[in-house]
Amino acid sequence: MLLRLNTADHRPLHEQVAGAVRRAIAEGECAPGDRLPPARDLSQALGVNTNTVLRGLRALRDEGLLEFRRGRGVTVAGGADRRSELLERVRELVADGARLGYGKADLIEMIKEVP
């Protein structure tokens, strides 16, 4: 798995790490069930602190994209490739809604009205 961070990106490093892993899953570099390299190896490859990598990986675990298993490391969750795609579409919807003056609560109400 080849990950890179964009030095011109102004987002926090942990968000960039999460985005890089999310992108690798979405592009098929990592499939459900695949094991990720240890956080220490990822941190060395990306040139960031191990805690930064762990924070990014925990965010992906909270999104349901990764699973942490004691003694087995971090693996890509089943269905993560589909969830990643859907999550990206949701982010786009939220961004589009914000441009049109709608907040997340407004979008949620719209979704509830959809049959």
N, C-alpha and C. Protein backbone atom coordinates (compact mmCIF):
# COMPACT_ATOMS: atom_id res chain seq x y z
N MET A 1 0.85 -1.17 0.00
CA MET A 1 0.00 0.00 0.00
C MET A 1 0.90 1.23 0.00
N LEU A 2 0.73 2.06 -1.01
CA LEU A 2 1.54 3.26 -1.16
C LEU A 2 0.69 4.46 -0.76
N LEU A 3 1.04 5.09 0.35
CA LEU A 3 0.32 6.26 0.83
C LEU A 3 1.22 7.47 0.76
N ARG A 4 0.60 8.59 0.45
CA ARG A 4 1.33 9.86 0.41
C ARG A 4 0.46 10.95 1.01
N LEU A 5 1.12 11.90 1.65
CA LEU A 5 0.43 13.07 2.16
C LEU A 5 0.79 14.25 1.29
N ASN A 6 -0.16 15.15 1.13
CA ASN A 6 0.03 16.34 0.32
C ASN A 6 0.54 17.45 1.23
N THR A 7 1.77 17.89 1.02
CA THR A 7 2.35 18.92 1.88
C THR A 7 1.65 20.27 1.74
N ALA A 8 0.92 20.47 0.66
CA ALA A 8 0.19 21.73 0.46
C ALA A 8 -1.18 21.71 1.14
N ASP A 9 -1.60 20.55 1.60
CA ASP A 9 -2.90 20.41 2.27
C ASP A 9 -2.83 21.04 3.65
N HIS A 10 -3.83 21.83 3.99
CA HIS A 10 -3.82 22.54 5.27
C HIS A 10 -4.64 21.82 6.34
N ARG A 11 -5.20 20.66 5.99
CA ARG A 11 -5.95 19.90 6.99
C ARG A 11 -4.98 19.31 8.01
N PRO A 12 -5.47 19.01 9.22
CA PRO A 12 -4.59 18.36 10.21
C PRO A 12 -4.04 17.05 9.66
N LEU A 13 -2.84 16.70 10.11
CA LEU A 13 -2.17 15.51 9.58
C LEU A 13 -2.97 14.23 9.80
N HIS A 14 -3.64 14.09 10.95
CA HIS A 14 -4.40 12.86 11.18
C HIS A 14 -5.55 12.72 10.18
N GLU A 15 -6.15 13.85 9.77
CA GLU A 15 -7.20 13.81 8.76
C GLU A 15 -6.62 13.43 7.40
N GLN A 16 -5.42 13.90 7.12
CA GLN A 16 -4.76 13.53 5.86
C GLN A 16 -4.42 12.04 5.84
N VAL A 17 -3.97 11.51 6.97
CA VAL A 17 -3.67 10.08 7.06
C VAL A 17 -4.95 9.28 6.82
N ALA A 18 -6.03 9.66 7.50
CA ALA A 18 -7.31 8.97 7.31
C ALA A 18 -7.76 9.06 5.86
N GLY A 19 -7.59 10.22 5.26
CA GLY A 19 -7.98 10.39 3.85
C GLY A 19 -7.16 9.53 2.92
N ALA A 20 -5.87 9.40 3.21
CA ALA A 20 -5.00 8.57 2.36
C ALA A 20 -5.40 7.10 2.44
N VAL A 21 -5.70 6.63 3.64
CA VAL A 21 -6.13 5.23 3.80
C VAL A 21 -7.52 5.04 3.18
N ARG A 22 -8.41 6.00 3.40
CA ARG A 22 -9.75 5.94 2.81
C ARG A 22 -9.66 5.85 1.29
N ARG A 23 -8.77 6.64 0.73
CA ARG A 23 -8.57 6.65 -0.73
C ARG A 23 -8.03 5.30 -1.21
N ALA A 24 -7.09 4.72 -0.46
CA ALA A 24 -6.53 3.42 -0.83
C ALA A 24 -7.62 2.35 -0.83
N ILE A 25 -8.54 2.43 0.13
CA ILE A 25 -9.66 1.48 0.17
C ILE A 25 -10.59 1.72 -1.01
N ALA A 26 -10.93 2.97 -1.26
CA ALA A 26 -11.85 3.30 -2.35
C ALA A 26 -11.29 2.91 -3.71
N GLU A 27 -9.98 3.01 -3.87
CA GLU A 27 -9.36 2.70 -5.16
C GLU A 27 -8.98 1.23 -5.29
N GLY A 28 -9.30 0.43 -4.29
CA GLY A 28 -9.07 -1.00 -4.38
C GLY A 28 -7.67 -1.46 -4.01
N GLU A 29 -6.83 -0.58 -3.51
CA GLU A 29 -5.49 -0.98 -3.07
C GLU A 29 -5.58 -1.85 -1.83
N CYS A 30 -6.61 -1.63 -1.04
CA CYS A 30 -6.85 -2.41 0.17
C CYS A 30 -8.27 -2.94 0.08
N ALA A 31 -8.43 -4.24 0.17
CA ALA A 31 -9.75 -4.86 0.08
C ALA A 31 -10.21 -5.29 1.47
N PRO A 32 -11.51 -5.48 1.64
CA PRO A 32 -11.99 -5.98 2.92
C PRO A 32 -11.24 -7.25 3.33
N GLY A 33 -10.81 -7.27 4.58
CA GLY A 33 -10.05 -8.40 5.11
C GLY A 33 -8.54 -8.20 5.05
N ASP A 34 -8.08 -7.26 4.22
CA ASP A 34 -6.64 -6.99 4.14
C ASP A 34 -6.15 -6.37 5.44
N ARG A 35 -4.95 -6.75 5.80
CA ARG A 35 -4.32 -6.21 7.00
C ARG A 35 -3.45 -5.01 6.63
N LEU A 36 -3.56 -3.94 7.38
CA LEU A 36 -2.73 -2.76 7.16
C LEU A 36 -1.37 -2.96 7.81
N PRO A 37 -0.36 -2.28 7.29
CA PRO A 37 0.95 -2.32 7.96
C PRO A 37 0.82 -1.73 9.36
N PRO A 38 1.72 -2.09 10.26
CA PRO A 38 1.68 -1.51 11.61
C PRO A 38 1.78 0.02 11.56
N ALA A 39 1.17 0.66 12.55
CA ALA A 39 1.16 2.13 12.60
C ALA A 39 2.58 2.69 12.59
N ARG A 40 3.50 2.01 13.23
CA ARG A 40 4.90 2.48 13.26
C ARG A 40 5.46 2.53 11.84
N ASP A 41 5.19 1.48 11.04
CA ASP A 41 5.67 1.45 9.66
C ASP A 41 5.01 2.54 8.82
N LEU A 42 3.70 2.72 9.00
CA LEU A 42 3.00 3.78 8.27
C LEU A 42 3.54 5.16 8.63
N SER A 43 3.81 5.36 9.92
CA SER A 43 4.31 6.67 10.35
C SER A 43 5.68 6.97 9.74
N GLN A 44 6.53 5.95 9.65
CA GLN A 44 7.85 6.14 9.03
C GLN A 44 7.71 6.43 7.54
N ALA A 45 6.82 5.71 6.87
CA ALA A 45 6.63 5.90 5.44
C ALA A 45 6.06 7.28 5.12
N LEU A 46 5.19 7.78 6.01
CA LEU A 46 4.54 9.07 5.78
C LEU A 46 5.31 10.24 6.38
N GLY A 47 6.27 9.94 7.24
CA GLY A 47 7.05 11.00 7.87
C GLY A 47 6.29 11.76 8.94
N VAL A 48 5.38 11.06 9.64
CA VAL A 48 4.62 11.69 10.72
C VAL A 48 4.75 10.84 11.98
N ASN A 49 4.30 11.37 13.09
CA ASN A 49 4.36 10.69 14.37
C ASN A 49 3.41 9.49 14.38
N THR A 50 3.79 8.44 15.09
CA THR A 50 2.94 7.24 15.19
C THR A 50 1.57 7.57 15.78
N ASN A 51 1.53 8.48 16.76
CA ASN A 51 0.25 8.86 17.36
C ASN A 51 -0.67 9.54 16.35
N THR A 52 -0.09 10.27 15.41
CA THR A 52 -0.87 10.91 14.36
C THR A 52 -1.52 9.85 13.48
N VAL A 53 -0.76 8.83 13.12
CA VAL A 53 -1.30 7.73 12.32
C VAL A 53 -2.40 7.01 13.09
N LEU A 54 -2.15 6.72 14.36
CA LEU A 54 -3.15 6.03 15.16
C LEU A 54 -4.44 6.84 15.27
N ARG A 55 -4.32 8.14 15.39
CA ARG A 55 -5.52 8.98 15.47
C ARG A 55 -6.32 8.90 14.17
N GLY A 56 -5.63 8.92 13.04
CA GLY A 56 -6.30 8.78 11.75
C GLY A 56 -6.95 7.41 11.59
N LEU A 57 -6.26 6.36 12.03
CA LEU A 57 -6.81 5.01 11.93
C LEU A 57 -8.02 4.84 12.85
N ARG A 58 -7.97 5.44 14.03
CA ARG A 58 -9.12 5.35 14.95
C ARG A 58 -10.35 6.04 14.35
N ALA A 59 -10.13 7.14 13.64
CA ALA A 59 -11.26 7.82 12.99
C ALA A 59 -11.90 6.90 11.95
N LEU A 60 -11.07 6.17 11.22
CA LEU A 60 -11.60 5.24 10.22
C LEU A 60 -12.29 4.05 10.88
N ARG A 61 -11.78 3.63 12.03
CA ARG A 61 -12.46 2.57 12.79
C ARG A 61 -13.83 3.05 13.22
N ASP A 62 -13.92 4.31 13.68
CA ASP A 62 -15.20 4.86 14.12
C ASP A 62 -16.18 5.00 12.96
N GLU A 63 -15.66 5.17 11.74
CA GLU A 63 -16.51 5.24 10.55
C GLU A 63 -16.94 3.85 10.07
N GLY A 64 -16.34 2.82 10.64
CA GLY A 64 -16.67 1.46 10.24
C GLY A 64 -15.84 0.94 9.09
N LEU A 65 -14.78 1.64 8.73
CA LEU A 65 -13.94 1.21 7.61
C LEU A 65 -12.83 0.25 8.03
N LEU A 66 -12.41 0.35 9.29
CA LEU A 66 -11.33 -0.50 9.78
C LEU A 66 -11.78 -1.24 11.03
N GLU A 67 -11.14 -2.38 11.26
CA GLU A 67 -11.37 -3.15 12.48
C GLU A 67 -10.04 -3.32 13.19
N PHE A 68 -10.03 -3.09 14.50
CA PHE A 68 -8.84 -3.29 15.31
C PHE A 68 -9.03 -4.60 16.07
N ARG A 69 -8.07 -5.50 15.92
CA ARG A 69 -8.15 -6.77 16.63
C ARG A 69 -6.84 -7.02 17.35
N ARG A 70 -6.96 -7.24 18.64
CA ARG A 70 -5.78 -7.50 19.46
C ARG A 70 -5.05 -8.73 18.92
N GLY A 71 -3.77 -8.56 18.67
CA GLY A 71 -2.96 -9.66 18.18
C GLY A 71 -3.03 -9.88 16.68
N ARG A 72 -3.98 -9.24 16.02
CA ARG A 72 -4.13 -9.40 14.57
C ARG A 72 -3.90 -8.09 13.82
N GLY A 73 -3.82 -7.01 14.54
CA GLY A 73 -3.58 -5.72 13.90
C GLY A 73 -4.84 -5.06 13.38
N VAL A 74 -4.66 -4.20 12.41
CA VAL A 74 -5.75 -3.43 11.83
C VAL A 74 -6.08 -4.00 10.47
N THR A 75 -7.35 -4.31 10.26
CA THR A 75 -7.78 -4.85 8.96
C THR A 75 -8.90 -3.99 8.39
N VAL A 76 -9.04 -4.07 7.08
CA VAL A 76 -10.12 -3.36 6.39
C VAL A 76 -11.41 -4.12 6.66
N ALA A 77 -12.43 -3.41 7.11
CA ALA A 77 -13.71 -4.02 7.47
C ALA A 77 -14.44 -4.53 6.24
N GLY A 78 -15.24 -5.56 6.45
CA GLY A 78 -16.07 -6.07 5.37
C GLY A 78 -17.05 -5.00 4.91
N GLY A 79 -17.18 -4.83 3.62
CA GLY A 79 -18.07 -3.80 3.07
C GLY A 79 -17.48 -2.41 3.11
N ALA A 80 -16.23 -2.26 3.53
CA ALA A 80 -15.62 -0.93 3.65
C ALA A 80 -15.54 -0.24 2.31
N ASP A 81 -15.33 -1.00 1.24
CA ASP A 81 -15.23 -0.37 -0.07
C ASP A 81 -16.55 0.29 -0.45
N ARG A 82 -17.66 -0.34 -0.14
CA ARG A 82 -18.97 0.26 -0.43
C ARG A 82 -19.27 1.40 0.53
N ARG A 83 -18.95 1.21 1.80
CA ARG A 83 -19.21 2.25 2.79
C ARG A 83 -18.39 3.50 2.48
N SER A 84 -17.16 3.32 2.05
CA SER A 84 -16.30 4.44 1.72
C SER A 84 -16.91 5.27 0.60
N GLU A 85 -17.42 4.60 -0.41
CA GLU A 85 -18.06 5.29 -1.54
C GLU A 85 -19.29 6.06 -1.07
N LEU A 86 -20.11 5.42 -0.27
CA LEU A 86 -21.31 6.07 0.24
C LEU A 86 -20.97 7.25 1.13
N LEU A 87 -19.98 7.08 1.98
CA LEU A 87 -19.58 8.16 2.87
C LEU A 87 -19.08 9.37 2.08
N GLU A 88 -18.37 9.13 1.01
CA GLU A 88 -17.90 10.23 0.17
C GLU A 88 -19.09 10.97 -0.45
N ARG A 89 -20.09 10.22 -0.88
CA ARG A 89 -21.29 10.85 -1.45
C ARG A 89 -22.02 11.68 -0.40
N VAL A 90 -22.05 11.20 0.84
CA VAL A 90 -22.68 11.95 1.92
C VAL A 90 -21.92 13.25 2.17
N ARG A 91 -20.59 13.17 2.17
CA ARG A 91 -19.78 14.39 2.35
C ARG A 91 -20.08 15.40 1.24
N GLU A 92 -20.21 14.92 0.03
CA GLU A 92 -20.52 15.82 -1.09
C GLU A 92 -21.90 16.44 -0.89
N LEU A 93 -22.87 15.65 -0.42
CA LEU A 93 -24.21 16.17 -0.16
C LEU A 93 -24.17 17.27 0.90
N VAL A 94 -23.42 17.03 1.97
CA VAL A 94 -23.31 18.03 3.03
C VAL A 94 -22.66 19.30 2.50
N ALA A 95 -21.63 19.16 1.68
CA ALA A 95 -20.95 20.33 1.10
C ALA A 95 -21.90 21.07 0.16
N ASP A 96 -22.62 20.34 -0.67
CA ASP A 96 -23.59 20.98 -1.58
C ASP A 96 -24.68 21.69 -0.79
N GLY A 97 -25.17 21.04 0.25
CA GLY A 97 -26.19 21.66 1.09
C GLY A 97 -25.69 22.94 1.73
N ALA A 98 -24.46 22.93 2.22
CA ALA A 98 -23.88 24.12 2.85
C ALA A 98 -23.78 25.27 1.85
N ARG A 99 -23.40 24.94 0.62
CA ARG A 99 -23.32 25.99 -0.42
C ARG A 99 -24.69 26.62 -0.69
N LEU A 100 -25.74 25.82 -0.50
CA LEU A 100 -27.10 26.32 -0.74
C LEU A 100 -27.77 26.85 0.51
N GLY A 101 -27.01 26.86 1.62
CA GLY A 101 -27.54 27.42 2.86
C GLY A 101 -28.24 26.43 3.77
N TYR A 102 -28.11 25.14 3.53
CA TYR A 102 -28.74 24.12 4.37
C TYR A 102 -27.71 23.53 5.32
N GLY A 103 -28.12 23.34 6.56
CA GLY A 103 -27.26 22.68 7.54
C GLY A 103 -27.52 21.18 7.53
N LYS A 104 -26.75 20.46 8.32
CA LYS A 104 -26.91 19.00 8.40
C LYS A 104 -28.31 18.62 8.88
N ALA A 105 -28.82 19.36 9.86
CA ALA A 105 -30.16 19.06 10.38
C ALA A 105 -31.21 19.22 9.28
N ASP A 106 -31.06 20.25 8.44
CA ASP A 106 -31.98 20.44 7.32
C ASP A 106 -31.93 19.25 6.36
N LEU A 107 -30.72 18.77 6.07
CA LEU A 107 -30.57 17.64 5.17
C LEU A 107 -31.17 16.38 5.76
N ILE A 108 -31.00 16.19 7.06
CA ILE A 108 -31.57 15.02 7.72
C ILE A 108 -33.08 15.04 7.60
N GLU A 109 -33.68 16.19 7.80
CA GLU A 109 -35.14 16.29 7.66
C GLU A 109 -35.57 15.99 6.23
N MET A 110 -34.81 16.47 5.25
CA MET A 110 -35.13 16.18 3.85
C MET A 110 -35.07 14.67 3.58
N ILE A 111 -34.05 14.03 4.13
CA ILE A 111 -33.88 12.59 3.94
C ILE A 111 -35.04 11.82 4.57
N LYS A 112 -35.48 12.27 5.74
CA LYS A 112 -36.61 11.60 6.40
C LYS A 112 -37.88 11.68 5.57
N GLU A 113 -38.01 12.72 4.76
CA GLU A 113 -39.21 12.90 3.94
C GLU A 113 -39.19 12.05 2.67
N VAL A 114 -38.02 11.54 2.31
CA VAL A 114 -37.90 10.73 1.11
C VAL A 114 -38.54 9.37 1.36
N PRO A 115 -39.47 8.95 0.46
CA PRO A 115 -40.13 7.64 0.67
C PRO A 115 -39.18 6.49 0.45
